[in-house]
Amino acid sequence: MNSPIMLEIKIGGNSIIYPQDLSKLLNKIAKILPAEGNEPIIINGRLPVWVFSALTYWFYHRPWIATYEPREIKGVVVGSRIADVSIGDLIEIKEIKKIYVEYP
């Protein structure tokens, strides 16, 4: 399995994102990181829960998806399509490729 990618999202401006902004955010992410791929994804950022849920759905075809847990300094798996990684597993974050997206 390929090494995971950490997708770090920062909401700029007034630090609020609204549901009507989701398609613009996804389009911005898609220009940098396709929804499908062989690398698992760890999502990080100060985002509403509904954005994390939408991104989990967006990256559904990846091997697994996790959210970053800063207290543990690990990713927590929230969705998996492979047998050896389960929901709730903690993923060590060592040398990891980071992709930054700032919205808007």
PDB file of N, CA and C in Angstrom:
ATOM      1  N   MET A   1       0.844  -1.182   0.000  1.00  0.00           N
ATOM      2  CA  MET A   1       0.000   0.000   0.000  1.00  0.00           C
ATOM      3  C   MET A   1       0.888   1.243   0.000  1.00  0.00           C
ATOM      4  N   ASN A   2       0.440   2.243  -0.700  1.00  0.00           N
ATOM      5  CA  ASN A   2       1.169   3.505  -0.759  1.00  0.00           C
ATOM      6  C   ASN A   2       1.065   4.262   0.556  1.00  0.00           C
ATOM      7  N   SER A   3       2.024   5.156   0.780  1.00  0.00           N
ATOM      8  CA  SER A   3       1.999   5.987   1.986  1.00  0.00           C
ATOM      9  C   SER A   3       0.827   6.951   1.925  1.00  0.00           C
ATOM     10  N   PRO A   4       0.247   7.264   3.093  1.00  0.00           N
ATOM     11  CA  PRO A   4      -0.886   8.191   3.097  1.00  0.00           C
ATOM     12  C   PRO A   4      -0.482   9.619   2.777  1.00  0.00           C
ATOM     13  N   ILE A   5      -1.463  10.378   2.350  1.00  0.00           N
ATOM     14  CA  ILE A   5      -1.312  11.808   2.106  1.00  0.00           C
ATOM     15  C   ILE A   5      -2.140  12.534   3.151  1.00  0.00           C
ATOM     16  N   MET A   6      -1.554  13.552   3.784  1.00  0.00           N
ATOM     17  CA  MET A   6      -2.331  14.379   4.687  1.00  0.00           C
ATOM     18  C   MET A   6      -2.830  15.597   3.919  1.00  0.00           C
ATOM     19  N   LEU A   7      -4.131  15.730   3.856  1.00  0.00           N
ATOM     20  CA  LEU A   7      -4.767  16.877   3.222  1.00  0.00           C
ATOM     21  C   LEU A   7      -5.095  17.884   4.319  1.00  0.00           C
ATOM     22  N   GLU A   8      -4.371  18.989   4.322  1.00  0.00           N
ATOM     23  CA  GLU A   8      -4.590  20.027   5.324  1.00  0.00           C
ATOM     24  C   GLU A   8      -5.387  21.156   4.690  1.00  0.00           C
ATOM     25  N   ILE A   9      -6.556  21.418   5.260  1.00  0.00           N
ATOM     26  CA  ILE A   9      -7.452  22.434   4.713  1.00  0.00           C
ATOM     27  C   ILE A   9      -7.566  23.583   5.709  1.00  0.00           C
ATOM     28  N   LYS A  10      -7.371  24.773   5.188  1.00  0.00           N
ATOM     29  CA  LYS A  10      -7.525  25.977   6.009  1.00  0.00           C
ATOM     30  C   LYS A  10      -8.616  26.829   5.386  1.00  0.00           C
ATOM     31  N   ILE A  11      -9.595  27.171   6.209  1.00  0.00           N
ATOM     32  CA  ILE A  11     -10.663  28.060   5.771  1.00  0.00           C
ATOM     33  C   ILE A  11     -10.242  29.469   6.141  1.00  0.00           C
ATOM     34  N   GLY A  12     -10.012  30.305   5.124  1.00  0.00           N
ATOM     35  CA  GLY A  12      -9.554  31.669   5.351  1.00  0.00           C
ATOM     36  C   GLY A  12     -10.713  32.631   5.552  1.00  0.00           C
ATOM     37  N   GLY A  13     -10.409  33.890   5.468  1.00  0.00           N
ATOM     38  CA  GLY A  13     -11.442  34.917   5.598  1.00  0.00           C
ATOM     39  C   GLY A  13     -12.061  34.922   6.971  1.00  0.00           C
ATOM     40  N   ASN A  14     -13.370  34.792   7.018  1.00  0.00           N
ATOM     41  CA  ASN A  14     -14.062  34.830   8.302  1.00  0.00           C
ATOM     42  C   ASN A  14     -14.113  33.463   8.981  1.00  0.00           C
ATOM     43  N   SER A  15     -13.391  32.477   8.454  1.00  0.00           N
ATOM     44  CA  SER A  15     -13.281  31.134   9.027  1.00  0.00           C
ATOM     45  C   SER A  15     -14.609  30.391   9.085  1.00  0.00           C
ATOM     46  N   ILE A  16     -15.510  30.704   8.184  1.00  0.00           N
ATOM     47  CA  ILE A  16     -16.789  30.001   8.113  1.00  0.00           C
ATOM     48  C   ILE A  16     -16.952  29.461   6.703  1.00  0.00           C
ATOM     49  N   ILE A  17     -17.401  28.226   6.613  1.00  0.00           N
ATOM     50  CA  ILE A  17     -17.756  27.653   5.318  1.00  0.00           C
ATOM     51  C   ILE A  17     -19.217  27.239   5.401  1.00  0.00           C
ATOM     52  N   TYR A  18     -19.933  27.504   4.336  1.00  0.00           N
ATOM     53  CA  TYR A  18     -21.357  27.210   4.272  1.00  0.00           C
ATOM     54  C   TYR A  18     -21.592  26.069   3.295  1.00  0.00           C
ATOM     55  N   PRO A  19     -22.697  25.324   3.460  1.00  0.00           N
ATOM     56  CA  PRO A  19     -22.965  24.202   2.551  1.00  0.00           C
ATOM     57  C   PRO A  19     -22.924  24.576   1.070  1.00  0.00           C
ATOM     58  N   GLN A  20     -23.349  25.775   0.736  1.00  0.00           N
ATOM     59  CA  GLN A  20     -23.319  26.179  -0.667  1.00  0.00           C
ATOM     60  C   GLN A  20     -21.888  26.373  -1.193  1.00  0.00           C
ATOM     61  N   ASP A  21     -20.900  26.404  -0.293  1.00  0.00           N
ATOM     62  CA  ASP A  21     -19.495  26.544  -0.683  1.00  0.00           C
ATOM     63  C   ASP A  21     -18.819  25.201  -0.956  1.00  0.00           C
ATOM     64  N   LEU A  22     -19.476  24.102  -0.621  1.00  0.00           N
ATOM     65  CA  LEU A  22     -18.838  22.792  -0.696  1.00  0.00           C
ATOM     66  C   LEU A  22     -18.346  22.459  -2.098  1.00  0.00           C
ATOM     67  N   SER A  23     -19.144  22.714  -3.115  1.00  0.00           N
ATOM     68  CA  SER A  23     -18.712  22.364  -4.474  1.00  0.00           C
ATOM     69  C   SER A  23     -17.462  23.147  -4.879  1.00  0.00           C
ATOM     70  N   LYS A  24     -17.355  24.395  -4.455  1.00  0.00           N
ATOM     71  CA  LYS A  24     -16.155  25.187  -4.759  1.00  0.00           C
ATOM     72  C   LYS A  24     -14.936  24.601  -4.048  1.00  0.00           C
ATOM     73  N   LEU A  25     -15.108  24.195  -2.799  1.00  0.00           N
ATOM     74  CA  LEU A  25     -14.003  23.576  -2.060  1.00  0.00           C
ATOM     75  C   LEU A  25     -13.583  22.275  -2.735  1.00  0.00           C
ATOM     76  N   LEU A  26     -14.531  21.430  -3.107  1.00  0.00           N
ATOM     77  CA  LEU A  26     -14.196  20.164  -3.761  1.00  0.00           C
ATOM     78  C   LEU A  26     -13.504  20.387  -5.100  1.00  0.00           C
ATOM     79  N   ASN A  27     -13.933  21.386  -5.847  1.00  0.00           N
ATOM     80  CA  ASN A  27     -13.270  21.704  -7.119  1.00  0.00           C
ATOM     81  C   ASN A  27     -11.834  22.141  -6.887  1.00  0.00           C
ATOM     82  N   LYS A  28     -11.614  22.914  -5.855  1.00  0.00           N
ATOM     83  CA  LYS A  28     -10.248  23.366  -5.542  1.00  0.00           C
ATOM     84  C   LYS A  28      -9.373  22.181  -5.144  1.00  0.00           C
ATOM     85  N   ILE A  29      -9.927  21.284  -4.331  1.00  0.00           N
ATOM     86  CA  ILE A  29      -9.174  20.088  -3.926  1.00  0.00           C
ATOM     87  C   ILE A  29      -8.888  19.208  -5.140  1.00  0.00           C
ATOM     88  N   ALA A  30      -9.875  19.027  -6.020  1.00  0.00           N
ATOM     89  CA  ALA A  30      -9.726  18.141  -7.181  1.00  0.00           C
ATOM     90  C   ALA A  30      -8.621  18.593  -8.123  1.00  0.00           C
ATOM     91  N   LYS A  31      -8.333  19.886  -8.153  1.00  0.00           N
ATOM     92  CA  LYS A  31      -7.250  20.386  -9.007  1.00  0.00           C
ATOM     93  C   LYS A  31      -5.883  19.952  -8.488  1.00  0.00           C
ATOM     94  N   ILE A  32      -5.802  19.639  -7.208  1.00  0.00           N
ATOM     95  CA  ILE A  32      -4.535  19.270  -6.577  1.00  0.00           C
ATOM     96  C   ILE A  32      -4.460  17.769  -6.281  1.00  0.00           C
ATOM     97  N   LEU A  33      -5.594  17.207  -5.892  1.00  0.00           N
ATOM     98  CA  LEU A  33      -5.634  15.826  -5.412  1.00  0.00           C
ATOM     99  C   LEU A  33      -6.915  15.159  -5.914  1.00  0.00           C
ATOM    100  N   PRO A  34      -6.806  14.190  -6.825  1.00  0.00           N
ATOM    101  CA  PRO A  34      -8.022  13.558  -7.352  1.00  0.00           C
ATOM    102  C   PRO A  34      -8.753  12.744  -6.281  1.00  0.00           C
ATOM    103  N   ALA A  35     -10.054  12.598  -6.471  1.00  0.00           N
ATOM    104  CA  ALA A  35     -10.867  11.832  -5.522  1.00  0.00           C
ATOM    105  C   ALA A  35     -10.438  10.372  -5.471  1.00  0.00           C
ATOM    106  N   GLU A  36     -10.039   9.827  -6.606  1.00  0.00           N
ATOM    107  CA  GLU A  36      -9.599   8.436  -6.655  1.00  0.00           C
ATOM    108  C   GLU A  36      -8.078   8.380  -6.702  1.00  0.00           C
ATOM    109  N   GLY A  37      -7.531   7.314  -6.152  1.00  0.00           N
ATOM    110  CA  GLY A  37      -6.088   7.136  -6.161  1.00  0.00           C
ATOM    111  C   GLY A  37      -5.704   5.975  -5.263  1.00  0.00           C
ATOM    112  N   ASN A  38      -4.423   5.660  -5.247  1.00  0.00           N
ATOM    113  CA  ASN A  38      -3.929   4.530  -4.462  1.00  0.00           C
ATOM    114  C   ASN A  38      -3.433   4.916  -3.075  1.00  0.00           C
ATOM    115  N   GLU A  39      -3.298   6.214  -2.824  1.00  0.00           N
ATOM    116  CA  GLU A  39      -2.815   6.651  -1.520  1.00  0.00           C
ATOM    117  C   GLU A  39      -3.995   6.881  -0.578  1.00  0.00           C
ATOM    118  N   PRO A  40      -3.886   6.383   0.652  1.00  0.00           N
ATOM    119  CA  PRO A  40      -4.897   6.717   1.655  1.00  0.00           C
ATOM    120  C   PRO A  40      -4.825   8.210   1.978  1.00  0.00           C
ATOM    121  N   ILE A  41      -5.878   8.728   2.568  1.00  0.00           N
ATOM    122  CA  ILE A  41      -5.980  10.155   2.870  1.00  0.00           C
ATOM    123  C   ILE A  41      -6.214  10.362   4.360  1.00  0.00           C
ATOM    124  N   ILE A  42      -5.491  11.317   4.930  1.00  0.00           N
ATOM    125  CA  ILE A  42      -5.756  11.794   6.286  1.00  0.00           C
ATOM    126  C   ILE A  42      -6.183  13.246   6.151  1.00  0.00           C
ATOM    127  N   ILE A  43      -7.390  13.562   6.619  1.00  0.00           N
ATOM    128  CA  ILE A  43      -7.945  14.910   6.498  1.00  0.00           C
ATOM    129  C   ILE A  43      -7.668  15.677   7.781  1.00  0.00           C
ATOM    130  N   ASN A  44      -7.161  16.886   7.620  1.00  0.00           N
ATOM    131  CA  ASN A  44      -6.822  17.721   8.770  1.00  0.00           C
ATOM    132  C   ASN A  44      -7.318  19.136   8.522  1.00  0.00           C
ATOM    133  N   GLY A  45      -7.793  19.779   9.557  1.00  0.00           N
ATOM    134  CA  GLY A  45      -8.210  21.172   9.460  1.00  0.00           C
ATOM    135  C   GLY A  45      -9.299  21.486  10.459  1.00  0.00           C
ATOM    136  N   ARG A  46      -9.486  22.766  10.711  1.00  0.00           N
ATOM    137  CA  ARG A  46     -10.567  23.223  11.588  1.00  0.00           C
ATOM    138  C   ARG A  46     -11.805  23.385  10.715  1.00  0.00           C
ATOM    139  N   LEU A  47     -12.551  22.293  10.604  1.00  0.00           N
ATOM    140  CA  LEU A  47     -13.675  22.215   9.683  1.00  0.00           C
ATOM    141  C   LEU A  47     -14.916  21.727  10.424  1.00  0.00           C
ATOM    142  N   PRO A  48     -16.091  22.116   9.929  1.00  0.00           N
ATOM    143  CA  PRO A  48     -17.314  21.543  10.488  1.00  0.00           C
ATOM    144  C   PRO A  48     -17.375  20.037  10.220  1.00  0.00           C
ATOM    145  N   VAL A  49     -18.079  19.333  11.064  1.00  0.00           N
ATOM    146  CA  VAL A  49     -18.211  17.885  10.916  1.00  0.00           C
ATOM    147  C   VAL A  49     -18.772  17.528   9.546  1.00  0.00           C
ATOM    148  N   TRP A  50     -19.715  18.309   9.040  1.00  0.00           N
ATOM    149  CA  TRP A  50     -20.327  17.980   7.750  1.00  0.00           C
ATOM    150  C   TRP A  50     -19.313  18.053   6.605  1.00  0.00           C
ATOM    151  N   VAL A  51     -18.275  18.904   6.742  1.00  0.00           N
ATOM    152  CA  VAL A  51     -17.231  18.960   5.708  1.00  0.00           C
ATOM    153  C   VAL A  51     -16.375  17.690   5.772  1.00  0.00           C
ATOM    154  N   PHE A  52     -16.018  17.248   6.983  1.00  0.00           N
ATOM    155  CA  PHE A  52     -15.280  15.992   7.113  1.00  0.00           C
ATOM    156  C   PHE A  52     -16.087  14.843   6.498  1.00  0.00           C
ATOM    157  N   SER A  53     -17.388  14.810   6.763  1.00  0.00           N
ATOM    158  CA  SER A  53     -18.242  13.752   6.205  1.00  0.00           C
ATOM    159  C   SER A  53     -18.278  13.823   4.685  1.00  0.00           C
ATOM    160  N   ALA A  54     -18.419  15.012   4.139  1.00  0.00           N
ATOM    161  CA  ALA A  54     -18.453  15.178   2.679  1.00  0.00           C
ATOM    162  C   ALA A  54     -17.129  14.748   2.053  1.00  0.00           C
ATOM    163  N   LEU A  55     -16.010  15.078   2.696  1.00  0.00           N
ATOM    164  CA  LEU A  55     -14.707  14.692   2.165  1.00  0.00           C
ATOM    165  C   LEU A  55     -14.494  13.182   2.257  1.00  0.00           C
ATOM    166  N   THR A  56     -14.999  12.565   3.301  1.00  0.00           N
ATOM    167  CA  THR A  56     -14.921  11.110   3.416  1.00  0.00           C
ATOM    168  C   THR A  56     -15.675  10.461   2.256  1.00  0.00           C
ATOM    169  N   TYR A  57     -16.832  10.980   1.943  1.00  0.00           N
ATOM    170  CA  TYR A  57     -17.602  10.473   0.809  1.00  0.00           C
ATOM    171  C   TYR A  57     -16.870  10.746  -0.508  1.00  0.00           C
ATOM    172  N   TRP A  58     -16.303  11.939  -0.638  1.00  0.00           N
ATOM    173  CA  TRP A  58     -15.570  12.339  -1.843  1.00  0.00           C
ATOM    174  C   TRP A  58     -14.414  11.378  -2.127  1.00  0.00           C
ATOM    175  N   PHE A  59     -13.666  10.992  -1.080  1.00  0.00           N
ATOM    176  CA  PHE A  59     -12.495  10.124  -1.225  1.00  0.00           C
ATOM    177  C   PHE A  59     -12.834   8.640  -1.039  1.00  0.00           C
ATOM    178  N   TYR A  60     -14.083   8.275  -1.194  1.00  0.00           N
ATOM    179  CA  TYR A  60     -14.558   6.918  -0.940  1.00  0.00           C
ATOM    180  C   TYR A  60     -13.730   5.833  -1.636  1.00  0.00           C
ATOM    181  N   HIS A  61     -13.240   6.088  -2.829  1.00  0.00           N
ATOM    182  CA  HIS A  61     -12.526   5.059  -3.591  1.00  0.00           C
ATOM    183  C   HIS A  61     -11.065   4.907  -3.189  1.00  0.00           C
ATOM    184  N   ARG A  62     -10.597   5.720  -2.275  1.00  0.00           N
ATOM    185  CA  ARG A  62      -9.233   5.555  -1.747  1.00  0.00           C
ATOM    186  C   ARG A  62      -9.208   4.318  -0.838  1.00  0.00           C
ATOM    187  N   PRO A  63      -8.001   3.746  -0.569  1.00  0.00           N
ATOM    188  CA  PRO A  63      -7.933   2.539   0.275  1.00  0.00           C
ATOM    189  C   PRO A  63      -8.548   2.750   1.668  1.00  0.00           C
ATOM    190  N   TRP A  64      -8.232   3.876   2.273  1.00  0.00           N
ATOM    191  CA  TRP A  64      -8.854   4.246   3.541  1.00  0.00           C
ATOM    192  C   TRP A  64      -8.772   5.751   3.731  1.00  0.00           C
ATOM    193  N   ILE A  65      -9.635   6.258   4.614  1.00  0.00           N
ATOM    194  CA  ILE A  65      -9.688   7.683   4.917  1.00  0.00           C
ATOM    195  C   ILE A  65      -9.636   7.823   6.433  1.00  0.00           C
ATOM    196  N   ALA A  66      -8.867   8.795   6.885  1.00  0.00           N
ATOM    197  CA  ALA A  66      -8.770   9.058   8.328  1.00  0.00           C
ATOM    198  C   ALA A  66      -8.889  10.553   8.568  1.00  0.00           C
ATOM    199  N   THR A  67      -9.198  10.896   9.796  1.00  0.00           N
ATOM    200  CA  THR A  67      -9.141  12.291  10.215  1.00  0.00           C
ATOM    201  C   THR A  67      -7.995  12.410  11.216  1.00  0.00           C
ATOM    202  N   TYR A  68      -7.407  13.584  11.249  1.00  0.00           N
ATOM    203  CA  TYR A  68      -6.259  13.804  12.123  1.00  0.00           C
ATOM    204  C   TYR A  68      -6.721  14.056  13.548  1.00  0.00           C
ATOM    205  N   GLU A  69      -6.103  13.369  14.490  1.00  0.00           N
ATOM    206  CA  GLU A  69      -6.386  13.548  15.913  1.00  0.00           C
ATOM    207  C   GLU A  69      -5.154  14.168  16.566  1.00  0.00           C
ATOM    208  N   PRO A  70      -5.177  15.500  16.798  1.00  0.00           N
ATOM    209  CA  PRO A  70      -3.975  16.179  17.298  1.00  0.00           C
ATOM    210  C   PRO A  70      -3.532  15.732  18.690  1.00  0.00           C
ATOM    211  N   ARG A  71      -4.450  15.291  19.529  1.00  0.00           N
ATOM    212  CA  ARG A  71      -4.052  14.853  20.884  1.00  0.00           C
ATOM    213  C   ARG A  71      -3.221  13.580  20.833  1.00  0.00           C
ATOM    214  N   GLU A  72      -3.484  12.743  19.842  1.00  0.00           N
ATOM    215  CA  GLU A  72      -2.738  11.495  19.683  1.00  0.00           C
ATOM    216  C   GLU A  72      -1.588  11.630  18.693  1.00  0.00           C
ATOM    217  N   ILE A  73      -1.631  12.705  17.889  1.00  0.00           N
ATOM    218  CA  ILE A  73      -0.704  12.905  16.776  1.00  0.00           C
ATOM    219  C   ILE A  73      -0.761  11.699  15.834  1.00  0.00           C
ATOM    220  N   LYS A  74      -1.992  11.297  15.538  1.00  0.00           N
ATOM    221  CA  LYS A  74      -2.244  10.150  14.670  1.00  0.00           C
ATOM    222  C   LYS A  74      -3.505  10.411  13.855  1.00  0.00           C
ATOM    223  N   GLY A  75      -3.670   9.611  12.826  1.00  0.00           N
ATOM    224  CA  GLY A  75      -4.920   9.613  12.081  1.00  0.00           C
ATOM    225  C   GLY A  75      -5.848   8.557  12.644  1.00  0.00           C
ATOM    226  N   VAL A  76      -7.140   8.838  12.663  1.00  0.00           N
ATOM    227  CA  VAL A  76      -8.145   7.871  13.099  1.00  0.00           C
ATOM    228  C   VAL A  76      -8.954   7.474  11.867  1.00  0.00           C
ATOM    229  N   VAL A  77      -8.926   6.211  11.530  1.00  0.00           N
ATOM    230  CA  VAL A  77      -9.597   5.730  10.328  1.00  0.00           C
ATOM    231  C   VAL A  77     -11.111   5.855  10.490  1.00  0.00           C
ATOM    232  N   VAL A  78     -11.739   6.507   9.498  1.00  0.00           N
ATOM    233  CA  VAL A  78     -13.196   6.686   9.504  1.00  0.00           C
ATOM    234  C   VAL A  78     -13.867   5.934   8.356  1.00  0.00           C
ATOM    235  N   GLY A  79     -13.087   5.393   7.451  1.00  0.00           N
ATOM    236  CA  GLY A  79     -13.616   4.592   6.361  1.00  0.00           C
ATOM    237  C   GLY A  79     -12.495   3.774   5.747  1.00  0.00           C
ATOM    238  N   SER A  80     -12.779   2.522   5.395  1.00  0.00           N
ATOM    239  CA  SER A  80     -11.744   1.665   4.823  1.00  0.00           C
ATOM    240  C   SER A  80     -12.355   0.710   3.809  1.00  0.00           C
ATOM    241  N   ARG A  81     -11.609   0.490   2.737  1.00  0.00           N
ATOM    242  CA  ARG A  81     -12.013  -0.458   1.698  1.00  0.00           C
ATOM    243  C   ARG A  81     -11.059  -1.654   1.663  1.00  0.00           C
ATOM    244  N   ILE A  82     -10.138  -1.728   2.611  1.00  0.00           N
ATOM    245  CA  ILE A  82      -9.182  -2.830   2.618  1.00  0.00           C
ATOM    246  C   ILE A  82      -9.285  -3.590   3.947  1.00  0.00           C
ATOM    247  N   ALA A  83      -8.938  -4.861   3.905  1.00  0.00           N
ATOM    248  CA  ALA A  83      -9.152  -5.746   5.055  1.00  0.00           C
ATOM    249  C   ALA A  83      -8.229  -5.464   6.240  1.00  0.00           C
ATOM    250  N   ASP A  84      -6.996  -5.017   5.979  1.00  0.00           N
ATOM    251  CA  ASP A  84      -6.053  -4.884   7.091  1.00  0.00           C
ATOM    252  C   ASP A  84      -6.089  -3.524   7.787  1.00  0.00           C
ATOM    253  N   VAL A  85      -7.017  -2.653   7.409  1.00  0.00           N
ATOM    254  CA  VAL A  85      -7.207  -1.366   8.089  1.00  0.00           C
ATOM    255  C   VAL A  85      -8.699  -1.243   8.403  1.00  0.00           C
ATOM    256  N   SER A  86      -9.015  -1.030   9.685  1.00  0.00           N
ATOM    257  CA  SER A  86     -10.409  -0.980  10.126  1.00  0.00           C
ATOM    258  C   SER A  86     -10.768   0.393  10.663  1.00  0.00           C
ATOM    259  N   ILE A  87     -12.045   0.698  10.630  1.00  0.00           N
ATOM    260  CA  ILE A  87     -12.532   1.933  11.224  1.00  0.00           C
ATOM    261  C   ILE A  87     -12.132   1.966  12.697  1.00  0.00           C
ATOM    262  N   GLY A  88     -11.596   3.093  13.113  1.00  0.00           N
ATOM    263  CA  GLY A  88     -11.128   3.250  14.489  1.00  0.00           C
ATOM    264  C   GLY A  88      -9.646   3.004  14.670  1.00  0.00           C
ATOM    265  N   ASP A  89      -8.989   2.383  13.687  1.00  0.00           N
ATOM    266  CA  ASP A  89      -7.541   2.171  13.791  1.00  0.00           C
ATOM    267  C   ASP A  89      -6.828   3.518  13.879  1.00  0.00           C
ATOM    268  N   LEU A  90      -5.755   3.544  14.658  1.00  0.00           N
ATOM    269  CA  LEU A  90      -4.907   4.735  14.755  1.00  0.00           C
ATOM    270  C   LEU A  90      -3.731   4.556  13.811  1.00  0.00           C
ATOM    271  N   ILE A  91      -3.472   5.567  13.009  1.00  0.00           N
ATOM    272  CA  ILE A  91      -2.414   5.513  11.996  1.00  0.00           C
ATOM    273  C   ILE A  91      -1.281   6.430  12.429  1.00  0.00           C
ATOM    274  N   GLU A  92      -0.104   5.867  12.529  1.00  0.00           N
ATOM    275  CA  GLU A  92       1.088   6.654  12.856  1.00  0.00           C
ATOM    276  C   GLU A  92       1.369   7.657  11.740  1.00  0.00           C
ATOM    277  N   ILE A  93       1.736   8.845  12.133  1.00  0.00           N
ATOM    278  CA  ILE A  93       2.092   9.869  11.150  1.00  0.00           C
ATOM    279  C   ILE A  93       3.589  10.109  11.291  1.00  0.00           C
ATOM    280  N   LYS A  94       4.308   9.572  10.350  1.00  0.00           N
ATOM    281  CA  LYS A  94       5.759   9.737  10.356  1.00  0.00           C
ATOM    282  C   LYS A  94       6.095  10.686   9.227  1.00  0.00           C
ATOM    283  N   GLU A  95       6.923  10.259   8.336  1.00  0.00           N
ATOM    284  CA  GLU A  95       7.204  11.074   7.161  1.00  0.00           C
ATOM    285  C   GLU A  95       6.018  10.915   6.231  1.00  0.00           C
ATOM    286  N   ILE A  96       5.305  11.990   6.044  1.00  0.00           N
ATOM    287  CA  ILE A  96       4.067  11.929   5.293  1.00  0.00           C
ATOM    288  C   ILE A  96       4.008  13.102   4.328  1.00  0.00           C
ATOM    289  N   LYS A  97       3.496  12.836   3.157  1.00  0.00           N
ATOM    290  CA  LYS A  97       3.317  13.901   2.177  1.00  0.00           C
ATOM    291  C   LYS A  97       2.120  14.753   2.606  1.00  0.00           C
ATOM    292  N   LYS A  98       2.300  16.050   2.630  1.00  0.00           N
ATOM    293  CA  LYS A  98       1.213  16.959   3.000  1.00  0.00           C
ATOM    294  C   LYS A  98       0.820  17.798   1.798  1.00  0.00           C
ATOM    295  N   ILE A  99      -0.474  17.931   1.643  1.00  0.00           N
ATOM    296  CA  ILE A  99      -1.031  18.802   0.603  1.00  0.00           C
ATOM    297  C   ILE A  99      -1.885  19.843   1.307  1.00  0.00           C
ATOM    298  N   TYR A 100      -1.615  21.103   0.996  1.00  0.00           N
ATOM    299  CA  TYR A 100      -2.319  22.211   1.637  1.00  0.00           C
ATOM    300  C   TYR A 100      -3.337  22.807   0.680  1.00  0.00           C
ATOM    301  N   VAL A 101      -4.530  23.069   1.218  1.00  0.00           N
ATOM    302  CA  VAL A 101      -5.573  23.750   0.457  1.00  0.00           C
ATOM    303  C   VAL A 101      -6.116  24.852   1.350  1.00  0.00           C
ATOM    304  N   GLU A 102      -6.148  26.054   0.810  1.00  0.00           N
ATOM    305  CA  GLU A 102      -6.757  27.164   1.529  1.00  0.00           C
ATOM    306  C   GLU A 102      -7.991  27.584   0.775  1.00  0.00           C
ATOM    307  N   TYR A 103      -9.084  27.736   1.522  1.00  0.00           N
ATOM    308  CA  TYR A 103     -10.347  28.150   0.922  1.00  0.00           C
ATOM    309  C   TYR A 103     -10.845  29.389   1.642  1.00  0.00           C
ATOM    310  N   PRO A 104     -11.283  30.406   0.987  1.00  0.00           N
ATOM    311  CA  PRO A 104     -11.463  30.503  -0.448  1.00  0.00           C
ATOM    312  C   PRO A 104     -10.216  30.848  -1.166  1.00  0.00           C
TER     313      PRO A 104
END
